[in-house]
C-alpha cells in the first residue's frame, strides 16, 4: 500500500523516540517518597489525634480551632496523595 522506505523511516523515528524516552525516564529520589508517605501518615495521625482528644475533652492537636483540625489533617494527607501522581519507580 505505502512506500516501504517511508514505513521503515517512520519505524526508525518511532524507535528513536522510544529510546530517547527510556533514557529520559528517571525514578523519583528517596526523599520524595519519604515526604509523600510522611505527609499521608501525619495527616492520618492528625485526624486520629483530634478524634481521640475530643473524646476525652482535650483540645489537641491545635486547641481552639475545633473541627478545622480535621481539614488540616485531610489537607496534609491530600498533598501526599497528590504527590503520588508524580511517583515513578
N, C-alpha and C. Protein backbone atom coordinates (compact mmCIF):
# COMPACT_ATOMS: atom_id res chain seq x y z
N UNK A 1 0.82 -1.18 0.00
CA UNK A 1 0.00 0.00 0.00
C UNK A 1 0.86 1.25 0.00
N UNK A 2 1.71 1.42 1.06
CA UNK A 2 2.55 2.60 1.17
C UNK A 2 3.97 2.28 0.72
N UNK A 3 4.72 3.30 0.65
CA UNK A 3 6.11 3.15 0.26
C UNK A 3 6.87 2.46 1.40
N UNK A 4 7.58 1.35 1.11
CA UNK A 4 8.29 0.63 2.17
C UNK A 4 9.39 1.48 2.81
N UNK A 5 9.98 2.37 2.04
CA UNK A 5 11.04 3.22 2.58
C UNK A 5 10.47 4.21 3.60
N UNK A 6 9.27 4.73 3.30
CA UNK A 6 8.64 5.66 4.24
C UNK A 6 8.27 4.95 5.53
N UNK A 7 7.76 3.72 5.38
CA UNK A 7 7.39 2.95 6.57
C UNK A 7 8.62 2.63 7.41
N UNK A 8 9.72 2.28 6.77
CA UNK A 8 10.95 1.99 7.50
C UNK A 8 11.47 3.24 8.20
N UNK A 9 11.39 4.40 7.55
CA UNK A 9 11.84 5.65 8.15
C UNK A 9 10.95 6.02 9.34
N UNK A 10 9.64 5.82 9.20
CA UNK A 10 8.72 6.12 10.29
C UNK A 10 8.97 5.20 11.48
N UNK A 11 9.23 3.93 11.21
CA UNK A 11 9.52 2.97 12.28
C UNK A 11 10.84 3.34 12.97
N UNK A 12 11.81 3.78 12.21
CA UNK A 12 13.09 4.19 12.81
C UNK A 12 12.89 5.42 13.70
N UNK A 13 12.04 6.34 13.28
CA UNK A 13 11.75 7.51 14.11
C UNK A 13 11.05 7.12 15.41
N UNK A 14 10.09 6.20 15.30
CA UNK A 14 9.38 5.74 16.50
C UNK A 14 10.34 5.04 17.46
N UNK A 15 11.24 4.23 16.93
CA UNK A 15 12.22 3.52 17.76
C UNK A 15 13.17 4.51 18.44
N UNK A 16 13.61 5.53 17.70
CA UNK A 16 14.49 6.55 18.28
C UNK A 16 13.77 7.31 19.38
N UNK A 17 12.49 7.60 19.18
CA UNK A 17 11.71 8.30 20.20
C UNK A 17 11.57 7.44 21.45
N UNK A 18 11.31 6.13 21.29
CA UNK A 18 11.20 5.23 22.43
C UNK A 18 12.51 5.17 23.22
N UNK A 19 13.63 5.09 22.50
CA UNK A 19 14.94 5.04 23.16
C UNK A 19 15.22 6.33 23.91
N UNK A 20 14.88 7.48 23.32
CA UNK A 20 15.09 8.77 23.96
C UNK A 20 14.24 8.87 25.23
N UNK A 21 12.99 8.42 25.17
CA UNK A 21 12.12 8.46 26.34
C UNK A 21 12.63 7.52 27.43
N UNK A 22 13.17 6.37 27.03
CA UNK A 22 13.71 5.43 28.02
C UNK A 22 14.91 6.03 28.73
N UNK A 23 15.75 6.78 28.02
CA UNK A 23 16.90 7.42 28.65
C UNK A 23 16.47 8.56 29.56
N UNK A 24 15.38 9.26 29.21
CA UNK A 24 14.92 10.40 29.98
C UNK A 24 14.20 9.98 31.26
N UNK A 25 13.68 8.75 31.33
CA UNK A 25 12.94 8.27 32.50
C UNK A 25 13.89 8.10 33.66
N UNK A 26 13.57 8.74 34.77
CA UNK A 26 14.35 8.59 35.99
C UNK A 26 13.38 8.41 37.15
N UNK A 27 13.64 7.42 37.99
CA UNK A 27 12.76 7.26 39.16
C UNK A 27 12.92 8.42 40.13
N UNK A 28 11.92 8.63 40.95
CA UNK A 28 11.98 9.74 41.91
C UNK A 28 12.98 9.41 43.01
N UNK A 29 13.59 10.43 43.60
CA UNK A 29 14.55 10.17 44.69
C UNK A 29 13.86 9.66 45.95
N UNK A 30 14.64 9.11 46.83
CA UNK A 30 14.12 8.54 48.07
C UNK A 30 13.44 9.59 48.94
N UNK A 31 13.98 10.81 48.95
CA UNK A 31 13.39 11.84 49.81
C UNK A 31 11.97 12.18 49.36
N UNK A 32 11.69 12.08 48.05
CA UNK A 32 10.34 12.37 47.55
C UNK A 32 9.34 11.36 48.13
N UNK A 33 9.71 10.10 48.11
CA UNK A 33 8.83 9.06 48.64
C UNK A 33 8.66 9.22 50.15
N UNK A 34 9.74 9.58 50.85
CA UNK A 34 9.65 9.75 52.30
C UNK A 34 8.71 10.90 52.65
N UNK A 35 8.80 12.00 51.93
CA UNK A 35 7.91 13.14 52.18
C UNK A 35 6.47 12.78 51.83
N UNK A 36 6.28 12.09 50.71
CA UNK A 36 4.94 11.72 50.27
C UNK A 36 4.25 10.84 51.32
N UNK A 37 4.91 9.75 51.71
CA UNK A 37 4.31 8.86 52.71
C UNK A 37 4.22 9.55 54.07
N UNK A 38 5.20 10.37 54.39
CA UNK A 38 5.18 11.10 55.65
C UNK A 38 3.98 12.01 55.77
N UNK A 39 3.66 12.74 54.70
CA UNK A 39 2.50 13.63 54.72
C UNK A 39 1.20 12.85 54.90
N UNK A 40 1.10 11.72 54.22
CA UNK A 40 -0.12 10.91 54.36
C UNK A 40 -0.26 10.39 55.79
N UNK A 41 0.84 9.94 56.38
CA UNK A 41 0.79 9.40 57.73
C UNK A 41 0.53 10.50 58.75
N UNK A 42 1.20 11.65 58.59
CA UNK A 42 0.99 12.76 59.53
C UNK A 42 -0.46 13.24 59.45
N UNK A 43 -1.02 13.33 58.25
CA UNK A 43 -2.42 13.73 58.11
C UNK A 43 -3.35 12.78 58.82
N UNK A 44 -3.11 11.48 58.65
CA UNK A 44 -3.94 10.48 59.32
C UNK A 44 -3.79 10.58 60.83
N UNK A 45 -2.56 10.70 61.31
CA UNK A 45 -2.33 10.82 62.76
C UNK A 45 -2.95 12.10 63.32
N UNK A 46 -2.94 13.17 62.54
CA UNK A 46 -3.55 14.44 62.98
C UNK A 46 -5.04 14.23 63.24
N UNK A 47 -5.71 13.58 62.29
CA UNK A 47 -7.15 13.35 62.42
C UNK A 47 -7.44 12.40 63.58
N UNK A 48 -6.68 11.33 63.70
CA UNK A 48 -6.89 10.37 64.79
C UNK A 48 -6.66 11.05 66.14
N UNK A 49 -5.60 11.85 66.22
CA UNK A 49 -5.32 12.57 67.47
C UNK A 49 -6.47 13.50 67.84
N UNK A 50 -6.99 14.20 66.84
CA UNK A 50 -8.11 15.11 67.11
C UNK A 50 -9.31 14.35 67.65
N UNK A 51 -9.67 13.24 67.01
CA UNK A 51 -10.84 12.49 67.45
C UNK A 51 -10.66 11.89 68.84
N UNK A 52 -9.49 11.33 69.11
CA UNK A 52 -9.25 10.74 70.44
C UNK A 52 -9.25 11.84 71.50
N UNK A 53 -8.61 12.97 71.22
CA UNK A 53 -8.58 14.07 72.17
C UNK A 53 -9.97 14.65 72.40
N UNK A 54 -10.81 14.68 71.36
CA UNK A 54 -12.17 15.19 71.50
C UNK A 54 -13.00 14.27 72.40
N UNK A 55 -12.72 12.97 72.37
CA UNK A 55 -13.47 12.03 73.21
C UNK A 55 -13.17 12.25 74.69
N UNK A 56 -11.94 12.64 75.00
CA UNK A 56 -11.59 12.84 76.41
C UNK A 56 -11.68 14.30 76.84
N UNK A 57 -12.06 15.18 75.91
CA UNK A 57 -12.27 16.57 76.24
C UNK A 57 -11.04 17.45 76.21
N UNK A 58 -10.02 17.05 75.50
CA UNK A 58 -8.79 17.84 75.39
C UNK A 58 -8.76 18.48 74.00
N UNK A 59 -8.27 19.69 73.88
CA UNK A 59 -8.27 20.40 72.60
C UNK A 59 -7.02 20.19 71.78
N UNK A 60 -6.67 18.97 71.48
CA UNK A 60 -5.48 18.70 70.65
C UNK A 60 -5.89 18.44 69.22
N UNK A 61 -5.07 18.53 68.26
CA UNK A 61 -3.68 18.98 68.21
C UNK A 61 -3.54 20.50 68.29
N UNK A 62 -4.47 21.29 67.75
CA UNK A 62 -4.43 22.75 67.92
C UNK A 62 -5.70 23.15 68.65
N UNK A 63 -5.55 23.60 69.89
CA UNK A 63 -6.77 23.97 70.64
C UNK A 63 -7.42 25.23 70.07
N UNK A 64 -8.71 25.26 70.14
CA UNK A 64 -9.44 26.47 69.76
C UNK A 64 -9.94 26.51 68.33
N UNK A 65 -9.43 25.64 67.47
CA UNK A 65 -9.93 25.68 66.08
C UNK A 65 -10.91 24.56 65.80
N UNK A 66 -11.13 23.74 66.79
CA UNK A 66 -12.13 22.67 66.75
C UNK A 66 -12.07 21.84 65.48
N UNK A 67 -13.15 21.81 64.69
CA UNK A 67 -13.23 20.91 63.53
C UNK A 67 -12.28 21.28 62.39
N UNK A 68 -11.66 22.44 62.44
CA UNK A 68 -10.68 22.77 61.41
C UNK A 68 -9.47 21.85 61.51
N UNK A 69 -9.28 21.20 62.65
CA UNK A 69 -8.22 20.21 62.77
C UNK A 69 -8.41 19.08 61.76
N UNK A 70 -9.65 18.73 61.51
CA UNK A 70 -9.94 17.68 60.53
C UNK A 70 -9.50 18.14 59.13
N UNK A 71 -9.80 19.40 58.81
CA UNK A 71 -9.41 19.93 57.50
C UNK A 71 -7.89 19.98 57.34
N UNK A 72 -7.19 20.31 58.41
CA UNK A 72 -5.72 20.32 58.34
C UNK A 72 -5.20 18.91 58.08
N UNK A 73 -5.74 17.94 58.80
CA UNK A 73 -5.33 16.54 58.60
C UNK A 73 -5.61 16.06 57.18
N UNK A 74 -6.81 16.36 56.68
CA UNK A 74 -7.14 15.96 55.30
C UNK A 74 -6.26 16.70 54.29
N UNK A 75 -5.96 17.95 54.57
CA UNK A 75 -5.09 18.71 53.66
C UNK A 75 -3.70 18.11 53.57
N UNK A 76 -3.14 17.75 54.72
CA UNK A 76 -1.81 17.11 54.71
C UNK A 76 -1.84 15.80 53.94
N UNK A 77 -2.83 14.97 54.22
CA UNK A 77 -2.94 13.69 53.52
C UNK A 77 -3.18 13.90 52.03
N UNK A 78 -3.97 14.90 51.67
CA UNK A 78 -4.26 15.17 50.27
C UNK A 78 -2.99 15.57 49.50
N UNK A 79 -2.15 16.36 50.13
CA UNK A 79 -0.89 16.74 49.47
C UNK A 79 -0.06 15.48 49.21
N UNK A 80 -0.02 14.57 50.16
CA UNK A 80 0.69 13.30 49.95
C UNK A 80 0.10 12.49 48.82
N UNK A 81 -1.24 12.44 48.73
CA UNK A 81 -1.88 11.69 47.64
C UNK A 81 -1.63 12.36 46.30
N UNK A 82 -1.61 13.68 46.26
CA UNK A 82 -1.33 14.37 45.01
C UNK A 82 0.11 14.10 44.57
N UNK A 83 1.01 14.01 45.53
CA UNK A 83 2.40 13.69 45.20
C UNK A 83 2.53 12.30 44.58
N UNK A 84 1.59 11.41 44.87
CA UNK A 84 1.65 10.07 44.29
C UNK A 84 1.56 10.08 42.77
N UNK A 85 0.93 11.12 42.22
CA UNK A 85 0.84 11.20 40.76
C UNK A 85 2.21 11.38 40.10
N UNK A 86 3.17 11.92 40.83
CA UNK A 86 4.50 12.12 40.28
C UNK A 86 5.46 11.01 40.63
N UNK A 87 4.99 9.97 41.29
CA UNK A 87 5.85 8.88 41.74
C UNK A 87 6.17 7.94 40.58
N UNK A 88 7.44 7.82 40.29
CA UNK A 88 7.91 6.87 39.26
C UNK A 88 8.92 5.96 39.92
N UNK A 89 8.80 4.67 39.69
CA UNK A 89 9.72 3.73 40.31
C UNK A 89 10.56 3.04 39.28
